[in-house]
């Protein structure tokens, strides 16, 4: 029975971390004045443009909007994109 409770606590920890990350994302979006829907639209546009040049592993795409503190205590919103690339397409590349 003890192992069962340990299993539940691991699930709770994972759920807690997921909820924590979602809350961070909501707070960041709120501070940057960007709704999750707007960020999703940006994500789709970015992937659409990039897909002309590269094949993307869409399951691994992670796009976040973060807020960085500058030296003068002001903030800068930053878009961070991790986009796994399957391969680069040959369209428009010079063949030497």
N, C-alpha and C. Protein backbone atom coordinates (compact mmCIF):
# COMPACT_ATOMS: atom_id res chain seq x y z
N UNK A 1 0.82 -1.19 0.00
CA UNK A 1 0.00 0.00 0.00
C UNK A 1 0.87 1.26 0.00
N UNK A 2 2.00 1.18 0.67
CA UNK A 2 2.90 2.33 0.76
C UNK A 2 3.37 2.79 -0.63
N UNK A 3 3.67 1.83 -1.50
CA UNK A 3 4.10 2.16 -2.86
C UNK A 3 3.02 2.88 -3.65
N UNK A 4 1.78 2.55 -3.37
CA UNK A 4 0.67 3.21 -4.05
C UNK A 4 0.64 4.69 -3.72
N UNK A 5 0.83 5.04 -2.46
CA UNK A 5 0.82 6.45 -2.05
C UNK A 5 2.03 7.20 -2.62
N UNK A 6 3.14 6.50 -2.71
CA UNK A 6 4.31 7.13 -3.32
C UNK A 6 4.03 7.44 -4.79
N UNK A 7 3.33 6.53 -5.47
CA UNK A 7 2.94 6.75 -6.87
C UNK A 7 2.06 7.98 -6.99
N UNK A 8 1.11 8.13 -6.08
CA UNK A 8 0.23 9.30 -6.10
C UNK A 8 1.00 10.58 -5.87
N UNK A 9 1.95 10.57 -4.97
CA UNK A 9 2.71 11.79 -4.67
C UNK A 9 3.56 12.20 -5.87
N UNK A 10 4.05 11.24 -6.63
CA UNK A 10 4.81 11.58 -7.85
C UNK A 10 3.89 12.25 -8.86
N UNK A 11 2.69 11.73 -9.01
CA UNK A 11 1.71 12.33 -9.92
C UNK A 11 1.38 13.74 -9.47
N UNK A 12 1.19 13.94 -8.17
CA UNK A 12 0.89 15.26 -7.64
C UNK A 12 2.01 16.23 -7.95
N UNK A 13 3.25 15.77 -7.80
CA UNK A 13 4.41 16.62 -8.07
C UNK A 13 4.44 17.02 -9.54
N UNK A 14 4.17 16.07 -10.42
CA UNK A 14 4.16 16.36 -11.86
C UNK A 14 3.03 17.34 -12.19
N UNK A 15 1.85 17.10 -11.64
CA UNK A 15 0.72 18.00 -11.87
C UNK A 15 1.01 19.39 -11.32
N UNK A 16 1.66 19.43 -10.16
CA UNK A 16 2.01 20.70 -9.54
C UNK A 16 2.96 21.49 -10.43
N UNK A 17 3.95 20.81 -11.00
CA UNK A 17 4.91 21.48 -11.88
C UNK A 17 4.25 21.98 -13.16
N UNK A 18 3.34 21.19 -13.71
CA UNK A 18 2.61 21.61 -14.92
C UNK A 18 1.77 22.85 -14.61
N UNK A 19 1.06 22.81 -13.48
CA UNK A 19 0.23 23.95 -13.08
C UNK A 19 1.09 25.19 -12.84
N UNK A 20 2.24 24.99 -12.24
CA UNK A 20 3.16 26.10 -11.96
C UNK A 20 3.64 26.75 -13.27
N UNK A 21 4.00 25.91 -14.25
CA UNK A 21 4.44 26.44 -15.55
C UNK A 21 3.32 27.17 -16.26
N UNK A 22 2.11 26.64 -16.19
CA UNK A 22 0.97 27.31 -16.82
C UNK A 22 0.71 28.66 -16.16
N UNK A 23 0.80 28.71 -14.85
CA UNK A 23 0.60 29.96 -14.14
C UNK A 23 1.66 30.99 -14.52
N UNK A 24 2.91 30.56 -14.62
CA UNK A 24 3.98 31.46 -15.05
C UNK A 24 3.67 32.02 -16.44
N UNK A 25 3.20 31.15 -17.34
CA UNK A 25 2.89 31.57 -18.69
C UNK A 25 1.75 32.59 -18.70
N UNK A 26 0.71 32.34 -17.92
CA UNK A 26 -0.42 33.27 -17.85
C UNK A 26 0.03 34.61 -17.30
N UNK A 27 0.84 34.60 -16.25
CA UNK A 27 1.33 35.85 -15.65
C UNK A 27 2.20 36.61 -16.64
N UNK A 28 3.07 35.90 -17.34
CA UNK A 28 3.94 36.54 -18.33
C UNK A 28 3.12 37.14 -19.45
N UNK A 29 2.13 36.42 -19.94
CA UNK A 29 1.27 36.93 -21.02
C UNK A 29 0.52 38.16 -20.54
N UNK A 30 0.06 38.13 -19.32
CA UNK A 30 -0.68 39.25 -18.76
C UNK A 30 0.21 40.49 -18.66
N UNK A 31 1.41 40.30 -18.17
CA UNK A 31 2.34 41.43 -18.03
C UNK A 31 2.77 42.00 -19.37
N UNK A 32 2.88 41.14 -20.38
CA UNK A 32 3.29 41.58 -21.71
C UNK A 32 2.10 42.04 -22.53
N UNK A 33 0.90 41.97 -21.97
CA UNK A 33 -0.32 42.37 -22.66
C UNK A 33 -0.57 41.52 -23.91
N UNK A 34 -0.24 40.24 -23.83
CA UNK A 34 -0.46 39.33 -24.95
C UNK A 34 -1.30 38.16 -24.44
N UNK A 35 -2.43 37.93 -25.06
CA UNK A 35 -3.29 36.83 -24.66
C UNK A 35 -2.73 35.51 -25.18
N UNK A 36 -3.08 34.40 -24.54
CA UNK A 36 -2.65 33.10 -25.06
C UNK A 36 -3.12 32.87 -26.50
N UNK A 37 -4.30 33.37 -26.84
CA UNK A 37 -4.80 33.22 -28.22
C UNK A 37 -3.89 33.97 -29.20
N UNK A 38 -3.47 35.17 -28.82
CA UNK A 38 -2.58 35.97 -29.67
C UNK A 38 -1.23 35.28 -29.83
N UNK A 39 -0.70 34.73 -28.73
CA UNK A 39 0.56 34.00 -28.80
C UNK A 39 0.43 32.78 -29.70
N UNK A 40 -0.70 32.11 -29.65
CA UNK A 40 -0.94 30.96 -30.51
C UNK A 40 -0.98 31.37 -31.98
N UNK A 41 -1.57 32.53 -32.27
CA UNK A 41 -1.60 33.06 -33.64
C UNK A 41 -0.18 33.36 -34.11
N UNK A 42 0.63 33.96 -33.23
CA UNK A 42 2.03 34.24 -33.56
C UNK A 42 2.79 32.95 -33.84
N UNK A 43 2.56 31.94 -32.98
CA UNK A 43 3.21 30.64 -33.13
C UNK A 43 2.89 30.05 -34.50
N UNK A 44 1.62 30.07 -34.88
CA UNK A 44 1.21 29.51 -36.17
C UNK A 44 1.84 30.26 -37.33
N UNK A 45 1.91 31.58 -37.24
CA UNK A 45 2.53 32.37 -38.31
C UNK A 45 4.03 32.08 -38.42
N UNK A 46 4.70 31.99 -37.27
CA UNK A 46 6.14 31.70 -37.26
C UNK A 46 6.39 30.34 -37.91
N UNK A 47 5.61 29.34 -37.52
CA UNK A 47 5.79 27.99 -38.07
C UNK A 47 5.47 27.95 -39.56
N UNK A 48 4.48 28.71 -39.98
CA UNK A 48 4.10 28.76 -41.40
C UNK A 48 5.26 29.30 -42.24
N UNK A 49 5.86 30.39 -41.80
CA UNK A 49 6.98 30.99 -42.53
C UNK A 49 8.19 30.05 -42.53
N UNK A 50 8.51 29.51 -41.35
CA UNK A 50 9.68 28.65 -41.25
C UNK A 50 9.52 27.37 -42.07
N UNK A 51 8.28 26.88 -42.21
CA UNK A 51 8.06 25.63 -42.94
C UNK A 51 8.34 25.76 -44.43
N UNK A 52 8.45 26.99 -44.93
CA UNK A 52 8.86 27.18 -46.33
C UNK A 52 10.32 26.80 -46.53
N UNK A 53 11.11 26.90 -45.48
CA UNK A 53 12.55 26.69 -45.57
C UNK A 53 13.04 25.42 -44.90
N UNK A 54 12.30 24.93 -43.91
CA UNK A 54 12.73 23.74 -43.17
C UNK A 54 11.53 22.85 -42.86
N UNK A 55 11.81 21.56 -42.66
CA UNK A 55 10.81 20.64 -42.14
C UNK A 55 10.92 20.67 -40.61
N UNK A 56 9.79 20.90 -39.97
CA UNK A 56 9.75 21.10 -38.52
C UNK A 56 9.12 19.89 -37.85
N UNK A 57 9.67 19.51 -36.70
CA UNK A 57 9.08 18.48 -35.85
C UNK A 57 8.10 19.21 -34.92
N UNK A 58 6.83 19.32 -35.36
CA UNK A 58 5.85 20.17 -34.68
C UNK A 58 5.53 19.73 -33.26
N UNK A 59 5.66 18.43 -32.96
CA UNK A 59 5.38 17.96 -31.61
C UNK A 59 6.36 18.53 -30.59
N UNK A 60 7.55 18.88 -31.03
CA UNK A 60 8.56 19.38 -30.11
C UNK A 60 8.66 20.89 -30.04
N UNK A 61 7.79 21.61 -30.75
CA UNK A 61 7.84 23.07 -30.77
C UNK A 61 7.45 23.63 -29.40
N UNK A 62 8.26 24.56 -28.91
CA UNK A 62 7.99 25.21 -27.63
C UNK A 62 8.26 26.70 -27.80
N UNK A 63 7.22 27.50 -27.80
CA UNK A 63 7.35 28.95 -27.96
C UNK A 63 6.80 29.61 -26.71
N UNK A 64 7.62 30.45 -26.09
CA UNK A 64 7.23 31.10 -24.85
C UNK A 64 7.50 32.59 -24.93
N UNK A 65 6.72 33.33 -24.22
CA UNK A 65 6.94 34.76 -24.06
C UNK A 65 7.39 34.96 -22.62
N UNK A 66 8.58 35.51 -22.44
CA UNK A 66 9.10 35.72 -21.09
C UNK A 66 9.38 37.19 -20.87
N UNK A 67 9.66 37.51 -19.65
CA UNK A 67 9.95 38.87 -19.28
C UNK A 67 11.29 38.91 -18.57
N UNK A 68 12.24 39.66 -19.11
CA UNK A 68 13.57 39.77 -18.54
C UNK A 68 13.73 41.10 -17.82
N UNK A 69 14.41 41.07 -16.69
CA UNK A 69 14.70 42.29 -15.94
C UNK A 69 16.02 42.86 -16.43
N UNK A 70 16.00 44.12 -16.83
CA UNK A 70 17.21 44.80 -17.28
C UNK A 70 17.99 45.34 -16.09
N UNK A 71 19.22 45.80 -16.34
CA UNK A 71 20.07 46.34 -15.28
C UNK A 71 19.44 47.54 -14.58
N UNK A 72 18.62 48.30 -15.31
CA UNK A 72 18.00 49.50 -14.72
C UNK A 72 16.61 49.20 -14.14
N UNK A 73 16.35 47.93 -13.85
CA UNK A 73 15.08 47.47 -13.25
C UNK A 73 13.85 47.66 -14.15
N UNK A 74 14.07 47.87 -15.45
CA UNK A 74 12.96 47.87 -16.39
C UNK A 74 12.83 46.45 -16.94
N UNK A 75 11.78 46.20 -17.68
CA UNK A 75 11.54 44.86 -18.20
C UNK A 75 11.51 44.86 -19.71
N UNK A 76 11.93 43.73 -20.28
CA UNK A 76 11.87 43.51 -21.71
C UNK A 76 11.16 42.19 -21.95
N UNK A 77 10.14 42.20 -22.77
CA UNK A 77 9.48 40.95 -23.14
C UNK A 77 10.32 40.28 -24.22
N UNK A 78 10.47 38.97 -24.10
CA UNK A 78 11.31 38.21 -25.01
C UNK A 78 10.56 36.97 -25.49
N UNK A 79 10.58 36.73 -26.78
CA UNK A 79 9.99 35.53 -27.35
C UNK A 79 11.09 34.49 -27.50
N UNK A 80 10.90 33.34 -26.86
CA UNK A 80 11.88 32.26 -26.93
C UNK A 80 11.23 31.11 -27.68
N UNK A 81 11.90 30.66 -28.73
CA UNK A 81 11.34 29.59 -29.56
C UNK A 81 12.35 28.45 -29.68
N UNK A 82 11.93 27.26 -29.28
CA UNK A 82 12.68 26.03 -29.51
C UNK A 82 11.90 25.26 -30.56
N UNK A 83 12.49 25.17 -31.75
CA UNK A 83 11.80 24.56 -32.88
C UNK A 83 12.71 23.47 -33.46
N UNK A 84 12.39 22.20 -33.18
CA UNK A 84 13.22 21.11 -33.71
C UNK A 84 13.13 21.03 -35.23
N UNK A 85 14.27 20.94 -35.87
CA UNK A 85 14.34 20.91 -37.34
C UNK A 85 14.64 19.49 -37.80
N UNK A 86 13.77 18.98 -38.68
CA UNK A 86 14.00 17.66 -39.28
C UNK A 86 15.07 17.77 -40.36
N UNK A 87 14.86 18.73 -41.29
CA UNK A 87 15.84 18.95 -42.35
C UNK A 87 15.61 20.31 -42.99
N UNK A 88 16.65 20.83 -43.59
CA UNK A 88 16.56 22.09 -44.33
C UNK A 88 16.21 21.76 -45.76
N UNK A 89 15.26 22.50 -46.31
CA UNK A 89 14.83 22.30 -47.71
C UNK A 89 15.83 22.95 -48.65
N UNK A 90 15.88 22.49 -49.87
CA UNK A 90 16.81 23.01 -50.86
C UNK A 90 16.25 24.20 -51.63
N UNK A 91 15.06 24.64 -51.34
CA UNK A 91 14.43 25.74 -52.07
C UNK A 91 15.26 27.01 -51.90
N UNK A 92 15.68 27.59 -53.04
CA UNK A 92 16.39 28.85 -53.01
C UNK A 92 17.84 28.78 -52.60
N UNK A 93 18.36 27.61 -52.33
CA UNK A 93 19.76 27.48 -51.95
C UNK A 93 20.61 27.37 -53.21
N UNK A 94 21.74 28.06 -53.20
CA UNK A 94 22.68 27.97 -54.34
C UNK A 94 23.33 26.61 -54.36
N UNK A 95 23.35 26.01 -55.52
CA UNK A 95 24.05 24.74 -55.66
C UNK A 95 25.39 25.02 -56.31
N UNK A 96 26.46 24.79 -55.54
CA UNK A 96 27.81 25.07 -56.05
C UNK A 96 28.48 23.81 -56.49
